Amino acid sequence: MKIVALSDLHGYLPDQVPACDLLLLAGDLCPIENHAHGFHAEWLDTVFRRWLERVPARQVIGIAGNHDLLFEQAPELVPANLRWIYLQDSGTTWEGLKIWGTPWQPWFFDWAFNGQPEQLQAIWAKIPDDTDILVVHGPPRGYGDGIPSRHGMRYTGCPYLLERIQNIQPRLVVFGHIHEGRGEWTIGRTVLANVTILNEDYEPIYAPWQAEWTVTS
């Protein structure tokens, strides 16, 4: 099975998505230049819909991110019947893989799906113990969450998310949110990947993240 993952598109929809079995979208999908609900709803129903219909993936599964305000503030305006499975603190099973998606992250300015520590701890507790793939927007603490500052590196990830990952040991965790944090790490049996395709200057410099899996029934 070939898995491809993207995050932090911010309206940039790559033409060259590798052919795959499963495409994972880890949030911040909508254009950044206009956060109006009507604009995002129309973009999702036209540009994003057409892109989803032509990506060479057997299945697309995605979540929202902190810039996708429509999904939190006016979910009734999110277009129906898009060619994907949208997850928001929910899960699905596909080809025997149990996949959970959640858009939350520690409080980050005044964007969508911000949570305080106690709230996030309760949200992460909903992730089933037998999850194979976790799609989350914000990173766990210490993995792809560093932002350079004049006082040194500032780490923005959630320690409670890291704790939950360590406890349940999913096979894969994909996320984004921090454009400076692109990379891949391993904790035990778990692969963690910040799959942003944009850098800190919002330039699309990263190729889609890819993995080849052997899946047994």
N, C-alpha and C. Protein backbone atom coordinates (compact mmCIF):
# COMPACT_ATOMS: atom_id res chain seq x y z
N MET A 1 0.85 -1.19 0.00
CA MET A 1 0.00 0.00 0.00
C MET A 1 0.89 1.25 0.00
N LYS A 2 0.56 2.19 -0.87
CA LYS A 2 1.29 3.45 -0.90
C LYS A 2 0.45 4.54 -0.25
N ILE A 3 1.06 5.26 0.69
CA ILE A 3 0.40 6.34 1.41
C ILE A 3 1.12 7.65 1.07
N VAL A 4 0.34 8.68 0.76
CA VAL A 4 0.86 10.02 0.53
C VAL A 4 0.16 10.96 1.51
N ALA A 5 0.89 11.93 2.04
CA ALA A 5 0.31 12.85 3.02
C ALA A 5 0.76 14.28 2.73
N LEU A 6 -0.18 15.22 2.89
CA LEU A 6 0.06 16.65 2.68
C LEU A 6 -0.57 17.43 3.83
N SER A 7 0.03 18.56 4.15
CA SER A 7 -0.58 19.46 5.12
C SER A 7 -0.22 20.89 4.75
N ASP A 8 -0.99 21.83 5.29
CA ASP A 8 -0.72 23.26 5.13
C ASP A 8 -0.63 23.64 3.66
N LEU A 9 -1.72 23.34 2.96
CA LEU A 9 -1.82 23.71 1.55
C LEU A 9 -2.11 25.20 1.39
N HIS A 10 -2.94 25.73 2.26
CA HIS A 10 -3.29 27.16 2.23
C HIS A 10 -3.72 27.59 0.82
N GLY A 11 -4.50 26.74 0.18
CA GLY A 11 -5.02 27.06 -1.15
C GLY A 11 -4.16 26.58 -2.29
N TYR A 12 -2.94 26.15 -2.00
CA TYR A 12 -2.06 25.63 -3.05
C TYR A 12 -2.33 24.13 -3.20
N LEU A 13 -2.82 23.74 -4.35
CA LEU A 13 -3.17 22.35 -4.60
C LEU A 13 -2.22 21.79 -5.64
N PRO A 14 -1.26 20.97 -5.23
CA PRO A 14 -0.22 20.52 -6.17
C PRO A 14 -0.80 19.69 -7.31
N ASP A 15 -0.29 19.96 -8.51
CA ASP A 15 -0.72 19.20 -9.68
C ASP A 15 -0.13 17.79 -9.67
N GLN A 16 1.07 17.66 -9.14
CA GLN A 16 1.77 16.39 -9.19
C GLN A 16 1.68 15.66 -7.84
N VAL A 17 0.52 15.07 -7.58
CA VAL A 17 0.37 14.20 -6.41
C VAL A 17 0.68 12.78 -6.86
N PRO A 18 1.61 12.11 -6.19
CA PRO A 18 1.95 10.75 -6.62
C PRO A 18 0.74 9.82 -6.55
N ALA A 19 0.63 8.93 -7.50
CA ALA A 19 -0.42 7.91 -7.45
C ALA A 19 -0.27 7.11 -6.17
N CYS A 20 -1.38 6.88 -5.49
CA CYS A 20 -1.31 6.22 -4.19
C CYS A 20 -2.63 5.50 -3.89
N ASP A 21 -2.57 4.69 -2.87
CA ASP A 21 -3.78 4.06 -2.37
C ASP A 21 -4.53 4.98 -1.43
N LEU A 22 -3.79 5.68 -0.56
CA LEU A 22 -4.40 6.51 0.47
C LEU A 22 -3.71 7.87 0.51
N LEU A 23 -4.50 8.91 0.35
CA LEU A 23 -4.01 10.29 0.47
C LEU A 23 -4.57 10.89 1.75
N LEU A 24 -3.67 11.37 2.62
CA LEU A 24 -4.05 11.98 3.89
C LEU A 24 -3.80 13.48 3.82
N LEU A 25 -4.79 14.27 4.23
CA LEU A 25 -4.69 15.73 4.25
C LEU A 25 -4.81 16.19 5.70
N ALA A 26 -3.75 16.81 6.22
CA ALA A 26 -3.68 17.13 7.65
C ALA A 26 -3.97 18.59 7.96
N GLY A 27 -4.88 19.20 7.21
CA GLY A 27 -5.40 20.50 7.60
C GLY A 27 -4.74 21.71 6.98
N ASP A 28 -5.33 22.87 7.23
CA ASP A 28 -4.99 24.15 6.61
C ASP A 28 -5.05 24.00 5.09
N LEU A 29 -6.25 23.69 4.65
CA LEU A 29 -6.50 23.44 3.23
C LEU A 29 -6.82 24.72 2.48
N CYS A 30 -7.61 25.60 3.07
CA CYS A 30 -8.22 26.73 2.36
C CYS A 30 -7.23 27.88 2.14
N PRO A 31 -7.50 28.70 1.11
CA PRO A 31 -6.63 29.85 0.83
C PRO A 31 -6.50 30.78 2.03
N ILE A 32 -5.30 31.31 2.19
CA ILE A 32 -5.02 32.14 3.36
C ILE A 32 -5.37 33.60 3.13
N GLU A 33 -5.53 34.01 1.87
CA GLU A 33 -5.72 35.44 1.60
C GLU A 33 -7.11 35.94 1.96
N ASN A 34 -8.05 35.02 2.17
CA ASN A 34 -9.42 35.43 2.48
C ASN A 34 -10.05 34.36 3.35
N HIS A 35 -10.35 34.70 4.61
CA HIS A 35 -10.93 33.74 5.54
C HIS A 35 -12.45 33.84 5.63
N ALA A 36 -13.09 34.61 4.77
CA ALA A 36 -14.54 34.74 4.81
C ALA A 36 -15.21 33.40 4.56
N HIS A 37 -16.26 33.13 5.30
CA HIS A 37 -16.94 31.84 5.18
C HIS A 37 -17.43 31.57 3.77
N GLY A 38 -18.02 32.59 3.14
CA GLY A 38 -18.54 32.40 1.80
C GLY A 38 -17.45 32.10 0.79
N PHE A 39 -16.33 32.77 0.94
CA PHE A 39 -15.21 32.53 0.02
C PHE A 39 -14.69 31.12 0.16
N HIS A 40 -14.49 30.67 1.40
CA HIS A 40 -13.98 29.31 1.60
C HIS A 40 -14.99 28.27 1.14
N ALA A 41 -16.26 28.50 1.39
CA ALA A 41 -17.28 27.54 0.96
C ALA A 41 -17.28 27.39 -0.56
N GLU A 42 -17.19 28.51 -1.26
CA GLU A 42 -17.17 28.46 -2.73
C GLU A 42 -15.90 27.79 -3.24
N TRP A 43 -14.77 28.11 -2.63
CA TRP A 43 -13.50 27.50 -3.04
C TRP A 43 -13.54 25.98 -2.85
N LEU A 44 -14.06 25.54 -1.71
CA LEU A 44 -14.16 24.10 -1.46
C LEU A 44 -15.07 23.42 -2.47
N ASP A 45 -16.14 24.11 -2.85
CA ASP A 45 -17.12 23.52 -3.75
C ASP A 45 -16.71 23.55 -5.21
N THR A 46 -15.69 24.30 -5.53
CA THR A 46 -15.27 24.43 -6.93
C THR A 46 -13.83 23.95 -7.11
N VAL A 47 -12.86 24.76 -6.69
CA VAL A 47 -11.45 24.45 -6.91
C VAL A 47 -11.04 23.16 -6.18
N PHE A 48 -11.37 23.09 -4.90
CA PHE A 48 -10.99 21.91 -4.11
C PHE A 48 -11.72 20.67 -4.60
N ARG A 49 -12.98 20.79 -4.92
CA ARG A 49 -13.75 19.64 -5.42
C ARG A 49 -13.12 19.08 -6.70
N ARG A 50 -12.78 19.95 -7.63
CA ARG A 50 -12.17 19.50 -8.88
C ARG A 50 -10.83 18.83 -8.64
N TRP A 51 -10.05 19.39 -7.72
CA TRP A 51 -8.75 18.79 -7.39
C TRP A 51 -8.92 17.41 -6.78
N LEU A 52 -9.85 17.27 -5.84
CA LEU A 52 -10.09 15.96 -5.24
C LEU A 52 -10.50 14.93 -6.29
N GLU A 53 -11.27 15.35 -7.27
CA GLU A 53 -11.77 14.43 -8.27
C GLU A 53 -10.68 13.92 -9.20
N ARG A 54 -9.58 14.68 -9.30
CA ARG A 54 -8.54 14.24 -10.22
C ARG A 54 -7.28 13.70 -9.54
N VAL A 55 -7.16 13.81 -8.21
CA VAL A 55 -5.96 13.26 -7.58
C VAL A 55 -5.96 11.74 -7.74
N PRO A 56 -4.80 11.16 -8.04
CA PRO A 56 -4.72 9.71 -8.30
C PRO A 56 -4.61 8.89 -7.03
N ALA A 57 -5.64 8.96 -6.21
CA ALA A 57 -5.68 8.21 -4.95
C ALA A 57 -6.96 7.39 -4.90
N ARG A 58 -6.86 6.17 -4.39
CA ARG A 58 -8.06 5.35 -4.24
C ARG A 58 -8.96 5.88 -3.14
N GLN A 59 -8.35 6.46 -2.10
CA GLN A 59 -9.13 7.02 -1.00
C GLN A 59 -8.44 8.28 -0.50
N VAL A 60 -9.23 9.30 -0.17
CA VAL A 60 -8.72 10.54 0.42
C VAL A 60 -9.39 10.72 1.78
N ILE A 61 -8.58 10.97 2.79
CA ILE A 61 -9.09 11.20 4.14
C ILE A 61 -8.43 12.47 4.66
N GLY A 62 -9.23 13.39 5.21
CA GLY A 62 -8.65 14.65 5.64
C GLY A 62 -9.32 15.26 6.86
N ILE A 63 -8.65 16.28 7.38
CA ILE A 63 -9.13 17.04 8.53
C ILE A 63 -8.99 18.53 8.20
N ALA A 64 -9.55 19.37 9.04
CA ALA A 64 -9.35 20.81 8.94
C ALA A 64 -8.14 21.22 9.77
N GLY A 65 -7.77 22.50 9.63
CA GLY A 65 -6.69 23.05 10.43
C GLY A 65 -7.09 24.40 11.01
N ASN A 66 -6.16 25.07 11.65
CA ASN A 66 -6.50 26.30 12.36
C ASN A 66 -6.92 27.43 11.42
N HIS A 67 -6.53 27.39 10.15
CA HIS A 67 -6.96 28.41 9.21
C HIS A 67 -8.26 28.05 8.49
N ASP A 68 -8.75 26.85 8.71
CA ASP A 68 -10.00 26.41 8.06
C ASP A 68 -11.18 26.74 8.96
N LEU A 69 -11.42 28.04 9.17
CA LEU A 69 -12.42 28.49 10.13
C LEU A 69 -13.82 28.01 9.78
N LEU A 70 -14.10 27.84 8.52
CA LEU A 70 -15.44 27.42 8.10
C LEU A 70 -15.88 26.14 8.79
N PHE A 71 -14.94 25.20 8.95
CA PHE A 71 -15.28 23.89 9.49
C PHE A 71 -15.68 23.97 10.97
N GLU A 72 -15.16 24.97 11.68
CA GLU A 72 -15.53 25.13 13.09
C GLU A 72 -16.69 26.10 13.26
N GLN A 73 -16.68 27.20 12.52
CA GLN A 73 -17.61 28.29 12.78
C GLN A 73 -18.90 28.20 11.97
N ALA A 74 -18.86 27.57 10.81
CA ALA A 74 -20.06 27.44 9.98
C ALA A 74 -20.04 26.10 9.24
N PRO A 75 -20.01 25.00 9.98
CA PRO A 75 -19.88 23.69 9.33
C PRO A 75 -21.01 23.37 8.36
N GLU A 76 -22.16 24.01 8.55
CA GLU A 76 -23.29 23.77 7.64
C GLU A 76 -23.00 24.29 6.23
N LEU A 77 -22.00 25.14 6.08
CA LEU A 77 -21.64 25.67 4.76
C LEU A 77 -20.57 24.84 4.05
N VAL A 78 -20.00 23.87 4.75
CA VAL A 78 -19.02 23.00 4.10
C VAL A 78 -19.74 22.17 3.04
N PRO A 79 -19.28 22.20 1.79
CA PRO A 79 -19.98 21.49 0.73
C PRO A 79 -20.09 19.99 1.00
N ALA A 80 -21.23 19.44 0.62
CA ALA A 80 -21.46 18.01 0.79
C ALA A 80 -20.91 17.25 -0.42
N ASN A 81 -20.76 15.96 -0.22
CA ASN A 81 -20.41 15.04 -1.30
C ASN A 81 -19.07 15.33 -1.96
N LEU A 82 -18.14 15.87 -1.22
CA LEU A 82 -16.78 15.96 -1.71
C LEU A 82 -16.17 14.56 -1.73
N ARG A 83 -15.21 14.36 -2.61
CA ARG A 83 -14.61 13.04 -2.76
C ARG A 83 -13.53 12.81 -1.69
N TRP A 84 -13.98 12.73 -0.45
CA TRP A 84 -13.08 12.43 0.64
C TRP A 84 -13.89 11.98 1.83
N ILE A 85 -13.21 11.45 2.81
CA ILE A 85 -13.80 11.20 4.13
C ILE A 85 -13.23 12.26 5.06
N TYR A 86 -14.12 13.13 5.57
CA TYR A 86 -13.69 14.19 6.48
C TYR A 86 -13.85 13.70 7.90
N LEU A 87 -12.79 13.85 8.70
CA LEU A 87 -12.80 13.42 10.09
C LEU A 87 -12.62 14.62 11.01
N GLN A 88 -13.45 14.68 12.04
CA GLN A 88 -13.34 15.73 13.06
C GLN A 88 -13.66 15.10 14.40
N ASP A 89 -12.60 14.70 15.09
CA ASP A 89 -12.75 13.92 16.33
C ASP A 89 -13.60 12.68 16.04
N SER A 90 -13.24 12.01 14.97
CA SER A 90 -13.97 10.83 14.53
C SER A 90 -13.02 9.92 13.76
N GLY A 91 -13.50 8.71 13.46
CA GLY A 91 -12.64 7.75 12.82
C GLY A 91 -13.34 6.99 11.71
N THR A 92 -12.55 6.28 10.97
CA THR A 92 -13.07 5.42 9.92
C THR A 92 -12.13 4.23 9.78
N THR A 93 -12.63 3.17 9.20
CA THR A 93 -11.80 2.01 8.90
C THR A 93 -11.75 1.84 7.39
N TRP A 94 -10.54 1.74 6.86
CA TRP A 94 -10.37 1.59 5.42
C TRP A 94 -9.27 0.57 5.16
N GLU A 95 -9.59 -0.42 4.34
CA GLU A 95 -8.65 -1.50 4.01
C GLU A 95 -8.07 -2.12 5.29
N GLY A 96 -8.90 -2.22 6.31
CA GLY A 96 -8.48 -2.82 7.56
C GLY A 96 -7.72 -1.90 8.50
N LEU A 97 -7.43 -0.67 8.06
CA LEU A 97 -6.70 0.30 8.88
C LEU A 97 -7.68 1.19 9.63
N LYS A 98 -7.46 1.35 10.92
CA LYS A 98 -8.30 2.21 11.74
C LYS A 98 -7.66 3.60 11.80
N ILE A 99 -8.37 4.59 11.26
CA ILE A 99 -7.83 5.93 11.06
C ILE A 99 -8.67 6.93 11.85
N TRP A 100 -8.01 7.78 12.62
CA TRP A 100 -8.68 8.79 13.45
C TRP A 100 -8.17 10.17 13.04
N GLY A 101 -9.07 11.13 12.97
CA GLY A 101 -8.67 12.48 12.61
C GLY A 101 -9.18 13.52 13.58
N THR A 102 -8.34 14.52 13.87
CA THR A 102 -8.72 15.58 14.80
C THR A 102 -7.97 16.85 14.43
N PRO A 103 -8.64 18.01 14.38
CA PRO A 103 -8.01 19.24 13.89
C PRO A 103 -7.39 20.14 14.95
N TRP A 104 -7.40 19.73 16.20
CA TRP A 104 -7.07 20.65 17.29
C TRP A 104 -5.57 20.84 17.49
N GLN A 105 -5.23 21.95 18.18
CA GLN A 105 -3.86 22.23 18.59
C GLN A 105 -3.89 23.19 19.78
N PRO A 106 -2.77 23.34 20.51
CA PRO A 106 -2.73 24.34 21.58
C PRO A 106 -3.05 25.72 21.03
N TRP A 107 -3.56 26.57 21.92
CA TRP A 107 -4.06 27.89 21.53
C TRP A 107 -3.03 28.62 20.69
N PHE A 108 -3.46 29.07 19.51
CA PHE A 108 -2.56 29.69 18.54
C PHE A 108 -3.26 30.89 17.94
N PHE A 109 -2.93 32.09 18.45
CA PHE A 109 -3.61 33.32 18.06
C PHE A 109 -5.13 33.12 18.19
N ASP A 110 -5.91 33.62 17.25
CA ASP A 110 -7.37 33.55 17.40
C ASP A 110 -7.97 32.77 16.24
N TRP A 111 -7.34 31.63 15.91
CA TRP A 111 -7.79 30.84 14.77
C TRP A 111 -8.73 29.74 15.22
N ALA A 112 -8.99 28.80 14.35
CA ALA A 112 -9.95 27.73 14.63
C ALA A 112 -9.30 26.57 15.39
N PHE A 113 -10.14 25.82 16.07
CA PHE A 113 -9.75 24.58 16.73
C PHE A 113 -8.58 24.77 17.70
N ASN A 114 -8.63 25.87 18.45
CA ASN A 114 -7.68 26.12 19.52
C ASN A 114 -8.19 25.49 20.80
N GLY A 115 -7.31 24.88 21.56
CA GLY A 115 -7.73 24.27 22.82
C GLY A 115 -6.78 24.60 23.96
N GLN A 116 -7.36 24.75 25.16
CA GLN A 116 -6.56 24.88 26.37
C GLN A 116 -6.09 23.49 26.80
N PRO A 117 -5.05 23.41 27.65
CA PRO A 117 -4.46 22.11 27.98
C PRO A 117 -5.47 21.06 28.47
N GLU A 118 -6.35 21.44 29.39
CA GLU A 118 -7.30 20.46 29.92
C GLU A 118 -8.28 19.99 28.83
N GLN A 119 -8.68 20.92 27.96
CA GLN A 119 -9.58 20.57 26.86
C GLN A 119 -8.89 19.61 25.89
N LEU A 120 -7.64 19.89 25.57
CA LEU A 120 -6.91 19.02 24.65
C LEU A 120 -6.70 17.64 25.24
N GLN A 121 -6.44 17.58 26.51
CA GLN A 121 -6.25 16.28 27.15
C GLN A 121 -7.50 15.41 26.99
N ALA A 122 -8.67 16.03 27.11
CA ALA A 122 -9.92 15.29 26.92
C ALA A 122 -10.13 14.92 25.46
N ILE A 123 -9.73 15.78 24.55
CA ILE A 123 -9.87 15.49 23.12
C ILE A 123 -8.98 14.32 22.73
N TRP A 124 -7.73 14.33 23.20
CA TRP A 124 -6.82 13.23 22.84
C TRP A 124 -7.28 11.92 23.47
N ALA A 125 -7.97 11.99 24.60
CA ALA A 125 -8.45 10.76 25.24
C ALA A 125 -9.48 10.04 24.38
N LYS A 126 -10.11 10.76 23.43
CA LYS A 126 -11.09 10.13 22.54
C LYS A 126 -10.43 9.25 21.47
N ILE A 127 -9.14 9.45 21.23
CA ILE A 127 -8.46 8.67 20.19
C ILE A 127 -8.45 7.21 20.63
N PRO A 128 -9.02 6.31 19.85
CA PRO A 128 -9.10 4.91 20.26
C PRO A 128 -7.72 4.26 20.46
N ASP A 129 -7.66 3.35 21.39
CA ASP A 129 -6.41 2.67 21.69
C ASP A 129 -5.87 1.87 20.51
N ASP A 130 -6.76 1.42 19.62
CA ASP A 130 -6.32 0.56 18.51
C ASP A 130 -6.15 1.33 17.20
N THR A 131 -5.94 2.64 17.28
CA THR A 131 -5.75 3.46 16.09
C THR A 131 -4.46 3.04 15.37
N ASP A 132 -4.57 2.88 14.05
CA ASP A 132 -3.39 2.60 13.21
C ASP A 132 -2.78 3.88 12.66
N ILE A 133 -3.63 4.80 12.20
CA ILE A 133 -3.16 6.05 11.62
C ILE A 133 -3.88 7.20 12.31
N LEU A 134 -3.11 8.17 12.79
CA LEU A 134 -3.66 9.36 13.42
C LEU A 134 -3.34 10.56 12.54
N VAL A 135 -4.37 11.29 12.13
CA VAL A 135 -4.21 12.51 11.34
C VAL A 135 -4.62 13.67 12.23
N VAL A 136 -3.66 14.53 12.56
CA VAL A 136 -3.91 15.64 13.47
C VAL A 136 -3.24 16.88 12.88
N HIS A 137 -3.79 18.05 13.16
CA HIS A 137 -3.17 19.24 12.56
C HIS A 137 -1.93 19.69 13.32
N GLY A 138 -2.04 19.83 14.62
CA GLY A 138 -0.92 20.32 15.42
C GLY A 138 0.00 19.19 15.85
N PRO A 139 1.30 19.44 15.95
CA PRO A 139 2.26 18.40 16.30
C PRO A 139 2.29 18.08 17.79
N PRO A 140 2.82 16.91 18.14
CA PRO A 140 3.12 16.62 19.54
C PRO A 140 4.37 17.37 19.97
N ARG A 141 4.52 17.58 21.26
CA ARG A 141 5.65 18.35 21.77
C ARG A 141 6.98 17.70 21.39
N GLY A 142 7.86 18.51 20.80
CA GLY A 142 9.21 18.06 20.52
C GLY A 142 9.42 17.42 19.17
N TYR A 143 8.37 17.34 18.37
CA TYR A 143 8.49 16.68 17.06
C TYR A 143 7.87 17.58 15.99
N GLY A 144 8.73 18.25 15.23
CA GLY A 144 8.25 19.12 14.17
C GLY A 144 7.47 20.32 14.65
N ASP A 145 7.75 20.77 15.87
CA ASP A 145 6.96 21.86 16.46
C ASP A 145 7.80 23.07 16.83
N GLY A 146 9.05 23.12 16.37
CA GLY A 146 9.94 24.20 16.77
C GLY A 146 9.85 25.42 15.89
N ILE A 147 9.80 26.61 16.50
CA ILE A 147 9.80 27.87 15.78
C ILE A 147 11.00 28.69 16.28
N PRO A 148 11.95 29.00 15.40
CA PRO A 148 13.11 29.79 15.84
C PRO A 148 12.68 31.19 16.28
N SER A 149 13.31 31.67 17.33
CA SER A 149 13.08 33.04 17.80
C SER A 149 14.41 33.61 18.27
N ARG A 150 14.42 34.88 18.58
CA ARG A 150 15.68 35.51 19.02
C ARG A 150 16.14 34.98 20.37
N HIS A 151 15.23 34.32 21.07
CA HIS A 151 15.58 33.72 22.37
C HIS A 151 15.86 32.23 22.25
N GLY A 152 15.98 31.73 21.03
CA GLY A 152 16.19 30.31 20.82
C GLY A 152 14.94 29.64 20.27
N MET A 153 14.96 28.33 20.22
CA MET A 153 13.83 27.60 19.65
C MET A 153 12.65 27.57 20.61
N ARG A 154 11.47 27.88 20.07
CA ARG A 154 10.24 27.81 20.86
C ARG A 154 9.43 26.61 20.38
N TYR A 155 9.07 25.73 21.31
CA TYR A 155 8.36 24.49 20.97
C TYR A 155 6.88 24.66 21.26
N THR A 156 6.06 24.41 20.25
CA THR A 156 4.64 24.74 20.31
C THR A 156 3.72 23.53 20.39
N GLY A 157 4.27 22.32 20.30
CA GLY A 157 3.45 21.12 20.27
C GLY A 157 2.83 20.80 21.62
N CYS A 158 1.89 19.88 21.60
CA CYS A 158 1.14 19.54 22.80
C CYS A 158 1.76 18.34 23.52
N PRO A 159 2.16 18.50 24.78
CA PRO A 159 2.72 17.36 25.52
C PRO A 159 1.70 16.27 25.78
N TYR A 160 0.43 16.64 25.92
CA TYR A 160 -0.60 15.62 26.15
C TYR A 160 -0.82 14.77 24.90
N LEU A 161 -0.66 15.37 23.73
CA LEU A 161 -0.76 14.59 22.50
C LEU A 161 0.40 13.59 22.42
N LEU A 162 1.59 14.04 22.74
CA LEU A 162 2.74 13.14 22.76
C LEU A 162 2.51 11.98 23.72
N GLU A 163 1.99 12.29 24.89
CA GLU A 163 1.72 11.24 25.87
C GLU A 163 0.71 10.22 25.34
N ARG A 164 -0.33 10.72 24.67
CA ARG A 164 -1.34 9.80 24.13
C ARG A 164 -0.75 8.93 23.02
N ILE A 165 0.08 9.52 22.16
CA ILE A 165 0.73 8.75 21.11
C ILE A 165 1.62 7.67 21.70
N GLN A 166 2.37 8.01 22.72
CA GLN A 166 3.25 7.03 23.35
C GLN A 166 2.45 5.90 24.00
N ASN A 167 1.28 6.21 24.50
CA ASN A 167 0.46 5.20 25.16
C ASN A 167 -0.19 4.23 24.17
N ILE A 168 -0.70 4.75 23.05
CA ILE A 168 -1.45 3.88 22.14
C ILE A 168 -0.61 3.37 20.97
N GLN A 169 0.51 4.01 20.67
CA GLN A 169 1.46 3.58 19.65
C GLN A 169 0.81 3.29 18.30
N PRO A 170 0.18 4.29 17.69
CA PRO A 170 -0.30 4.07 16.33
C PRO A 170 0.88 3.83 15.39
N ARG A 171 0.58 3.27 14.25
CA ARG A 171 1.66 2.99 13.29
C ARG A 171 2.17 4.27 12.63
N LEU A 172 1.27 5.25 12.43
CA LEU A 172 1.63 6.47 11.76
C LEU A 172 0.86 7.65 12.34
N VAL A 173 1.55 8.78 12.54
CA VAL A 173 0.92 10.05 12.92
C VAL A 173 1.40 11.09 11.93
N VAL A 174 0.45 11.73 11.22
CA VAL A 174 0.81 12.81 10.30
C VAL A 174 0.18 14.11 10.79
N PHE A 175 0.91 15.21 10.61
CA PHE A 175 0.47 16.51 11.10
C PHE A 175 1.19 17.59 10.30
N GLY A 176 0.95 18.83 10.65
CA GLY A 176 1.60 19.96 10.00
C GLY A 176 1.63 21.14 10.94
N HIS A 177 0.96 22.25 10.53
CA HIS A 177 0.76 23.44 11.36
C HIS A 177 2.02 24.29 11.46
N ILE A 178 3.14 23.70 11.84
CA ILE A 178 4.40 24.44 11.97
C ILE A 178 5.21 24.23 10.70
N HIS A 179 5.24 25.26 9.86
CA HIS A 179 5.89 25.12 8.55
C HIS A 179 7.40 24.90 8.69
N GLU A 180 7.99 25.41 9.75
CA GLU A 180 9.43 25.22 9.96
C GLU A 180 9.78 23.79 10.38
N GLY A 181 8.75 22.98 10.67
CA GLY A 181 9.01 21.69 11.31
C GLY A 181 8.96 20.48 10.41
N ARG A 182 8.97 20.66 9.09
CA ARG A 182 8.89 19.52 8.18
C ARG A 182 9.95 18.48 8.55
N GLY A 183 9.54 17.21 8.60
CA GLY A 183 10.48 16.14 8.92
C GLY A 183 9.78 14.87 9.34
N GLU A 184 10.57 13.87 9.66
CA GLU A 184 10.05 12.55 10.04
C GLU A 184 10.86 12.00 11.20
N TRP A 185 10.17 11.37 12.15
CA TRP A 185 10.79 10.83 13.35
C TRP A 185 10.15 9.48 13.69
N THR A 186 10.78 8.74 14.60
CA THR A 186 10.23 7.46 15.03
C THR A 186 10.26 7.39 16.55
N ILE A 187 9.14 6.99 17.14
CA ILE A 187 9.06 6.69 18.57
C ILE A 187 8.58 5.25 18.67
N GLY A 188 9.45 4.35 19.06
CA GLY A 188 9.05 2.95 19.13
C GLY A 188 8.61 2.45 17.77
N ARG A 189 7.36 2.00 17.68
CA ARG A 189 6.84 1.51 16.39
C ARG A 189 6.14 2.61 15.60
N THR A 190 6.08 3.82 16.15
CA THR A 190 5.30 4.90 15.54
C THR A 190 6.18 5.82 14.70
N VAL A 191 5.77 6.03 13.46
CA VAL A 191 6.39 7.04 12.61
C VAL A 191 5.59 8.33 12.75
N LEU A 192 6.29 9.43 13.03
CA LEU A 192 5.66 10.75 13.10
C LEU A 192 6.19 11.58 11.95
N ALA A 193 5.31 12.30 11.25
CA ALA A 193 5.74 13.08 10.11
C ALA A 193 5.01 14.41 10.06
N ASN A 194 5.80 15.49 10.05
CA ASN A 194 5.25 16.81 9.74
C ASN A 194 5.28 16.90 8.21
N VAL A 195 4.11 16.95 7.60
CA VAL A 195 4.00 16.80 6.15
C VAL A 195 3.59 18.10 5.46
N THR A 196 3.89 19.25 6.10
CA THR A 196 3.62 20.52 5.44
C THR A 196 4.29 20.57 4.07
N ILE A 197 3.63 21.20 3.11
CA ILE A 197 4.28 21.38 1.81
C ILE A 197 4.76 22.81 1.61
N LEU A 198 4.41 23.71 2.54
CA LEU A 198 4.87 25.09 2.48
C LEU A 198 5.92 25.35 3.54
N ASN A 199 6.86 26.25 3.25
CA ASN A 199 7.82 26.65 4.26
C ASN A 199 7.28 27.84 5.05
N GLU A 200 8.13 28.42 5.90
CA GLU A 200 7.66 29.51 6.76
C GLU A 200 7.31 30.76 5.97
N ASP A 201 7.75 30.86 4.73
CA ASP A 201 7.39 31.99 3.87
C ASP A 201 6.20 31.65 2.96
N TYR A 202 5.53 30.55 3.27
CA TYR A 202 4.35 30.10 2.52
C TYR A 202 4.68 29.79 1.05
N GLU A 203 5.88 29.28 0.84
CA GLU A 203 6.31 28.84 -0.48
C GLU A 203 6.20 27.32 -0.56
N PRO A 204 5.65 26.78 -1.64
CA PRO A 204 5.47 25.31 -1.75
C PRO A 204 6.76 24.63 -2.19
N ILE A 205 7.64 24.39 -1.22
CA ILE A 205 8.97 23.86 -1.56
C ILE A 205 9.10 22.36 -1.27
N TYR A 206 8.18 21.78 -0.51
CA TYR A 206 8.32 20.38 -0.12
C TYR A 206 7.48 19.46 -1.00
N ALA A 207 8.06 18.33 -1.33
CA ALA A 207 7.32 17.31 -2.08
C ALA A 207 6.34 16.59 -1.15
N PRO A 208 5.28 16.03 -1.68
CA PRO A 208 4.38 15.24 -0.85
C PRO A 208 5.13 14.12 -0.12
N TRP A 209 4.78 13.94 1.15
CA TRP A 209 5.37 12.85 1.94
C TRP A 209 4.82 11.53 1.46
N GLN A 210 5.68 10.49 1.39
CA GLN A 210 5.25 9.21 0.86
C GLN A 210 5.78 8.07 1.73
N ALA A 211 5.02 6.99 1.76
CA ALA A 211 5.45 5.78 2.45
C ALA A 211 4.87 4.56 1.73
N GLU A 212 5.59 3.48 1.77
CA GLU A 212 5.12 2.20 1.24
C GLU A 212 4.93 1.25 2.42
N TRP A 213 3.74 0.69 2.51
CA TRP A 213 3.41 -0.22 3.61
C TRP A 213 3.08 -1.61 3.07
N THR A 214 3.39 -2.58 3.88
CA THR A 214 2.87 -3.92 3.67
C THR A 214 1.70 -4.10 4.63
N VAL A 215 0.54 -4.35 4.08
CA VAL A 215 -0.67 -4.50 4.90
C VAL A 215 -1.15 -5.94 4.78
N THR A 216 -1.28 -6.61 5.93
CA THR A 216 -1.76 -7.98 5.94
C THR A 216 -3.19 -8.01 6.45
N SER A 217 -3.98 -8.86 5.90
CA SER A 217 -5.40 -8.96 6.30
C SER A 217 -5.52 -9.81 7.56
